């Protein structure tokens, strides 16, 4: 049983929480299962809207999925959350990722 299967088994057993969804989303993203990653990361931020790391990874997954506008929205929300929590490094990183997407001409600035 690989890591994703273990996390999915935990989820199926009723251990659903933002951390599990974040971890599962990250594992799916790493494995190239982008659509699944997006779904799990969306659920992570739905369960904990103050989870700045989940917003950051959701933005990356959405960008990888070609959903640029949605990625920018995720980064914008993540920046708000990170700044409110005092997580300056995460806010800076998301701002850089957001600017790169906008500069690429794939979305409005």
N, C-alpha and C. Protein backbone atom coordinates (compact mmCIF):
# COMPACT_ATOMS: atom_id res chain seq x y z
N UNK A 1 0.84 -1.17 0.00
CA UNK A 1 0.00 0.00 0.00
C UNK A 1 0.90 1.25 0.00
N UNK A 2 0.72 2.10 -1.00
CA UNK A 2 1.54 3.31 -1.05
C UNK A 2 0.97 4.40 -0.14
N UNK A 3 1.66 5.52 -0.08
CA UNK A 3 1.28 6.59 0.83
C UNK A 3 -0.12 7.13 0.53
N UNK A 4 -0.42 7.34 -0.73
CA UNK A 4 -1.74 7.85 -1.10
C UNK A 4 -2.82 6.87 -0.67
N UNK A 5 -2.59 5.60 -0.91
CA UNK A 5 -3.57 4.59 -0.51
C UNK A 5 -3.77 4.58 1.00
N UNK A 6 -2.69 4.76 1.75
CA UNK A 6 -2.82 4.81 3.23
C UNK A 6 -3.66 6.01 3.66
N UNK A 7 -3.39 7.16 3.06
CA UNK A 7 -4.16 8.36 3.41
C UNK A 7 -5.62 8.20 3.00
N UNK A 8 -5.86 7.61 1.83
CA UNK A 8 -7.24 7.38 1.39
C UNK A 8 -7.96 6.41 2.32
N UNK A 9 -7.24 5.42 2.83
CA UNK A 9 -7.83 4.47 3.78
C UNK A 9 -8.20 5.18 5.08
N UNK A 10 -7.36 6.10 5.52
CA UNK A 10 -7.67 6.87 6.72
C UNK A 10 -8.93 7.71 6.49
N UNK A 11 -9.01 8.31 5.32
CA UNK A 11 -10.17 9.12 4.97
C UNK A 11 -11.43 8.26 4.95
N UNK A 12 -11.33 7.10 4.33
CA UNK A 12 -12.47 6.18 4.25
C UNK A 12 -12.90 5.69 5.63
N UNK A 13 -11.94 5.64 6.57
CA UNK A 13 -12.25 5.19 7.93
C UNK A 13 -12.86 6.31 8.77
N UNK A 14 -13.05 7.49 8.16
CA UNK A 14 -13.71 8.58 8.88
C UNK A 14 -12.78 9.57 9.54
N UNK A 15 -11.50 9.50 9.24
CA UNK A 15 -10.52 10.41 9.84
C UNK A 15 -10.36 11.67 8.99
N UNK A 16 -11.46 12.28 8.59
CA UNK A 16 -11.42 13.43 7.70
C UNK A 16 -11.13 14.71 8.49
N UNK A 17 -10.03 15.38 8.14
CA UNK A 17 -9.70 16.67 8.74
C UNK A 17 -8.81 17.44 7.77
N UNK A 18 -8.62 18.71 8.06
CA UNK A 18 -7.86 19.58 7.15
C UNK A 18 -6.43 19.10 6.95
N UNK A 19 -5.78 18.63 8.01
CA UNK A 19 -4.39 18.17 7.88
C UNK A 19 -4.30 16.94 6.98
N UNK A 20 -5.21 16.00 7.14
CA UNK A 20 -5.21 14.82 6.28
C UNK A 20 -5.46 15.21 4.83
N UNK A 21 -6.42 16.09 4.61
CA UNK A 21 -6.71 16.53 3.24
C UNK A 21 -5.51 17.26 2.63
N UNK A 22 -4.83 18.09 3.42
CA UNK A 22 -3.65 18.81 2.95
C UNK A 22 -2.55 17.81 2.57
N UNK A 23 -2.31 16.85 3.43
CA UNK A 23 -1.27 15.85 3.20
C UNK A 23 -1.60 14.99 1.98
N UNK A 24 -2.84 14.57 1.89
CA UNK A 24 -3.28 13.76 0.75
C UNK A 24 -3.21 14.58 -0.54
N UNK A 25 -3.60 15.84 -0.47
CA UNK A 25 -3.51 16.70 -1.65
C UNK A 25 -2.08 16.88 -2.10
N UNK A 26 -1.18 17.06 -1.16
CA UNK A 26 0.23 17.20 -1.51
C UNK A 26 0.80 15.94 -2.13
N UNK A 27 0.41 14.79 -1.59
CA UNK A 27 0.88 13.51 -2.14
C UNK A 27 0.34 13.30 -3.55
N UNK A 28 -0.92 13.64 -3.76
CA UNK A 28 -1.51 13.51 -5.09
C UNK A 28 -0.82 14.44 -6.08
N UNK A 29 -0.54 15.66 -5.65
CA UNK A 29 0.13 16.62 -6.53
C UNK A 29 1.52 16.10 -6.92
N UNK A 30 2.24 15.59 -5.94
CA UNK A 30 3.57 15.05 -6.20
C UNK A 30 3.52 13.87 -7.17
N UNK A 31 2.44 13.11 -7.11
CA UNK A 31 2.27 11.94 -7.99
C UNK A 31 1.69 12.31 -9.35
N UNK A 32 1.44 13.59 -9.58
CA UNK A 32 0.89 14.03 -10.85
C UNK A 32 -0.61 13.87 -10.97
N UNK A 33 -1.26 13.60 -9.88
CA UNK A 33 -2.71 13.44 -9.86
C UNK A 33 -3.33 14.79 -9.47
N UNK A 34 -3.21 15.73 -10.39
CA UNK A 34 -3.51 17.13 -10.11
C UNK A 34 -4.98 17.36 -9.76
N UNK A 35 -5.89 16.76 -10.50
CA UNK A 35 -7.32 16.98 -10.23
C UNK A 35 -7.70 16.48 -8.84
N UNK A 36 -7.16 15.34 -8.45
CA UNK A 36 -7.42 14.82 -7.11
C UNK A 36 -6.81 15.75 -6.06
N UNK A 37 -5.61 16.25 -6.34
CA UNK A 37 -4.96 17.18 -5.42
C UNK A 37 -5.83 18.40 -5.20
N UNK A 38 -6.34 18.96 -6.28
CA UNK A 38 -7.19 20.15 -6.18
C UNK A 38 -8.40 19.84 -5.30
N UNK A 39 -9.04 18.72 -5.52
CA UNK A 39 -10.24 18.37 -4.74
C UNK A 39 -9.91 18.25 -3.25
N UNK A 40 -8.82 17.59 -2.91
CA UNK A 40 -8.46 17.42 -1.50
C UNK A 40 -8.05 18.75 -0.87
N UNK A 41 -7.33 19.56 -1.62
CA UNK A 41 -6.89 20.85 -1.07
C UNK A 41 -8.06 21.82 -0.92
N UNK A 42 -9.01 21.77 -1.84
CA UNK A 42 -10.23 22.59 -1.67
C UNK A 42 -10.96 22.18 -0.39
N UNK A 43 -11.02 20.88 -0.15
CA UNK A 43 -11.67 20.40 1.07
C UNK A 43 -10.89 20.82 2.31
N UNK A 44 -9.56 20.82 2.23
CA UNK A 44 -8.74 21.24 3.37
C UNK A 44 -9.06 22.68 3.76
N UNK A 45 -9.14 23.58 2.77
CA UNK A 45 -9.43 24.98 3.10
C UNK A 45 -10.89 25.19 3.45
N UNK A 46 -11.77 24.30 2.98
CA UNK A 46 -13.18 24.36 3.40
C UNK A 46 -13.30 24.00 4.88
N UNK A 47 -12.49 23.03 5.31
CA UNK A 47 -12.53 22.61 6.70
C UNK A 47 -11.80 23.57 7.63
N UNK A 48 -10.77 24.23 7.11
CA UNK A 48 -10.01 25.20 7.91
C UNK A 48 -9.59 26.35 7.00
N UNK A 49 -10.41 27.37 6.94
CA UNK A 49 -10.16 28.49 6.03
C UNK A 49 -8.96 29.32 6.44
N UNK A 50 -8.38 29.06 7.61
CA UNK A 50 -7.22 29.80 8.10
C UNK A 50 -5.91 29.03 7.90
N UNK A 51 -5.93 27.99 7.09
CA UNK A 51 -4.78 27.11 6.86
C UNK A 51 -3.97 27.67 5.69
N UNK A 52 -3.05 28.57 5.97
CA UNK A 52 -2.33 29.27 4.91
C UNK A 52 -1.51 28.32 4.03
N UNK A 53 -0.92 27.29 4.60
CA UNK A 53 -0.14 26.35 3.79
C UNK A 53 -1.04 25.62 2.79
N UNK A 54 -2.27 25.34 3.19
CA UNK A 54 -3.21 24.68 2.27
C UNK A 54 -3.60 25.61 1.14
N UNK A 55 -3.79 26.89 1.44
CA UNK A 55 -4.09 27.86 0.38
C UNK A 55 -2.94 27.93 -0.61
N UNK A 56 -1.71 27.93 -0.10
CA UNK A 56 -0.54 28.01 -0.97
C UNK A 56 -0.46 26.79 -1.88
N UNK A 57 -0.64 25.61 -1.33
CA UNK A 57 -0.57 24.39 -2.14
C UNK A 57 -1.76 24.31 -3.10
N UNK A 58 -2.92 24.78 -2.68
CA UNK A 58 -4.08 24.81 -3.57
C UNK A 58 -3.79 25.71 -4.77
N UNK A 59 -3.19 26.87 -4.52
CA UNK A 59 -2.83 27.75 -5.63
C UNK A 59 -1.91 27.05 -6.62
N UNK A 60 -0.92 26.35 -6.10
CA UNK A 60 0.02 25.62 -6.97
C UNK A 60 -0.69 24.54 -7.77
N UNK A 61 -1.57 23.78 -7.10
CA UNK A 61 -2.29 22.70 -7.78
C UNK A 61 -3.19 23.26 -8.87
N UNK A 62 -3.87 24.35 -8.58
CA UNK A 62 -4.74 24.97 -9.58
C UNK A 62 -3.93 25.49 -10.76
N UNK A 63 -2.77 26.08 -10.47
CA UNK A 63 -1.90 26.55 -11.55
C UNK A 63 -1.44 25.37 -12.41
N UNK A 64 -1.06 24.27 -11.76
CA UNK A 64 -0.63 23.08 -12.49
C UNK A 64 -1.76 22.50 -13.34
N UNK A 65 -2.99 22.69 -12.87
CA UNK A 65 -4.17 22.20 -13.60
C UNK A 65 -4.58 23.15 -14.72
N UNK A 66 -3.88 24.26 -14.86
CA UNK A 66 -4.21 25.22 -15.90
C UNK A 66 -5.35 26.15 -15.53
N UNK A 67 -5.73 26.16 -14.27
CA UNK A 67 -6.83 27.01 -13.79
C UNK A 67 -6.24 28.29 -13.18
N UNK A 68 -5.71 29.13 -14.05
CA UNK A 68 -4.94 30.29 -13.61
C UNK A 68 -5.77 31.26 -12.77
N UNK A 69 -6.97 31.59 -13.22
CA UNK A 69 -7.79 32.54 -12.46
C UNK A 69 -8.09 32.00 -11.06
N UNK A 70 -8.42 30.72 -10.99
CA UNK A 70 -8.70 30.10 -9.69
C UNK A 70 -7.44 30.07 -8.83
N UNK A 71 -6.29 29.84 -9.45
CA UNK A 71 -5.03 29.82 -8.71
C UNK A 71 -4.76 31.20 -8.10
N UNK A 72 -4.97 32.24 -8.88
CA UNK A 72 -4.75 33.60 -8.39
C UNK A 72 -5.71 33.90 -7.24
N UNK A 73 -6.95 33.47 -7.36
CA UNK A 73 -7.92 33.66 -6.28
C UNK A 73 -7.46 32.93 -5.01
N UNK A 74 -6.97 31.71 -5.17
CA UNK A 74 -6.48 30.95 -4.01
C UNK A 74 -5.29 31.66 -3.38
N UNK A 75 -4.37 32.14 -4.20
CA UNK A 75 -3.23 32.87 -3.65
C UNK A 75 -3.68 34.14 -2.95
N UNK A 76 -4.63 34.87 -3.54
CA UNK A 76 -5.13 36.09 -2.90
C UNK A 76 -5.71 35.79 -1.52
N UNK A 77 -6.52 34.75 -1.45
CA UNK A 77 -7.12 34.37 -0.16
C UNK A 77 -6.04 33.89 0.80
N UNK A 78 -5.10 33.13 0.30
CA UNK A 78 -4.01 32.63 1.13
C UNK A 78 -3.15 33.76 1.68
N UNK A 79 -2.90 34.77 0.86
CA UNK A 79 -2.13 35.93 1.32
C UNK A 79 -2.86 36.64 2.45
N UNK A 80 -4.17 36.83 2.29
CA UNK A 80 -4.97 37.45 3.35
C UNK A 80 -4.86 36.66 4.65
N UNK A 81 -5.03 35.36 4.54
CA UNK A 81 -4.98 34.48 5.72
C UNK A 81 -3.60 34.54 6.37
N UNK A 82 -2.57 34.41 5.55
CA UNK A 82 -1.21 34.39 6.08
C UNK A 82 -0.86 35.71 6.77
N UNK A 83 -1.24 36.82 6.15
CA UNK A 83 -0.96 38.11 6.76
C UNK A 83 -1.71 38.29 8.08
N UNK A 84 -2.95 37.85 8.12
CA UNK A 84 -3.75 37.95 9.34
C UNK A 84 -3.16 37.10 10.46
N UNK A 85 -2.53 36.00 10.10
CA UNK A 85 -1.94 35.10 11.09
C UNK A 85 -0.49 35.45 11.42
N UNK A 86 0.06 36.43 10.71
CA UNK A 86 1.45 36.80 10.93
C UNK A 86 2.45 35.89 10.25
N UNK A 87 1.98 35.10 9.30
CA UNK A 87 2.84 34.17 8.56
C UNK A 87 3.42 34.90 7.35
N UNK A 88 4.38 35.76 7.62
CA UNK A 88 4.93 36.65 6.59
C UNK A 88 5.60 35.90 5.45
N UNK A 89 6.32 34.83 5.76
CA UNK A 89 7.02 34.08 4.72
C UNK A 89 6.04 33.46 3.74
N UNK A 90 4.98 32.84 4.23
CA UNK A 90 3.99 32.24 3.33
C UNK A 90 3.32 33.31 2.48
N UNK A 91 3.02 34.46 3.07
CA UNK A 91 2.40 35.55 2.32
C UNK A 91 3.33 36.02 1.20
N UNK A 92 4.61 36.16 1.51
CA UNK A 92 5.58 36.60 0.49
C UNK A 92 5.68 35.58 -0.64
N UNK A 93 5.76 34.31 -0.29
CA UNK A 93 5.87 33.27 -1.31
C UNK A 93 4.64 33.27 -2.22
N UNK A 94 3.45 33.35 -1.64
CA UNK A 94 2.24 33.35 -2.45
C UNK A 94 2.17 34.60 -3.33
N UNK A 95 2.62 35.72 -2.83
CA UNK A 95 2.64 36.95 -3.63
C UNK A 95 3.56 36.78 -4.85
N UNK A 96 4.70 36.14 -4.65
CA UNK A 96 5.62 35.90 -5.77
C UNK A 96 4.97 34.97 -6.80
N UNK A 97 4.36 33.89 -6.35
CA UNK A 97 3.72 32.94 -7.26
C UNK A 97 2.59 33.63 -8.03
N UNK A 98 1.83 34.48 -7.33
CA UNK A 98 0.72 35.19 -7.96
C UNK A 98 1.24 36.13 -9.04
N UNK A 99 2.28 36.88 -8.73
CA UNK A 99 2.85 37.81 -9.72
C UNK A 99 3.36 37.07 -10.94
N UNK A 100 3.98 35.92 -10.74
CA UNK A 100 4.48 35.14 -11.88
C UNK A 100 3.34 34.72 -12.80
N UNK A 101 2.23 34.29 -12.22
CA UNK A 101 1.08 33.91 -13.04
C UNK A 101 0.55 35.11 -13.81
N UNK A 102 0.45 36.24 -13.13
CA UNK A 102 -0.07 37.44 -13.79
C UNK A 102 0.87 37.91 -14.89
N UNK A 103 2.18 37.88 -14.62
CA UNK A 103 3.17 38.33 -15.60
C UNK A 103 3.20 37.44 -16.84
N UNK A 104 2.89 36.19 -16.65
CA UNK A 104 2.90 35.26 -17.77
C UNK A 104 1.79 35.59 -18.77
N UNK A 105 0.95 36.55 -18.40
CA UNK A 105 -0.12 36.95 -19.30
C UNK A 105 -1.29 36.00 -19.30
N UNK A 106 -1.32 35.10 -18.33
CA UNK A 106 -2.38 34.11 -18.30
C UNK A 106 -3.58 34.59 -17.49
N UNK A 107 -3.44 35.74 -16.83
CA UNK A 107 -4.54 36.25 -16.03
C UNK A 107 -4.37 37.74 -15.84
N UNK A 108 -5.44 38.44 -15.55
CA UNK A 108 -5.33 39.89 -15.30
C UNK A 108 -4.54 40.16 -14.03
N UNK A 109 -3.86 41.29 -14.04
CA UNK A 109 -3.07 41.68 -12.86
C UNK A 109 -3.94 42.25 -11.77
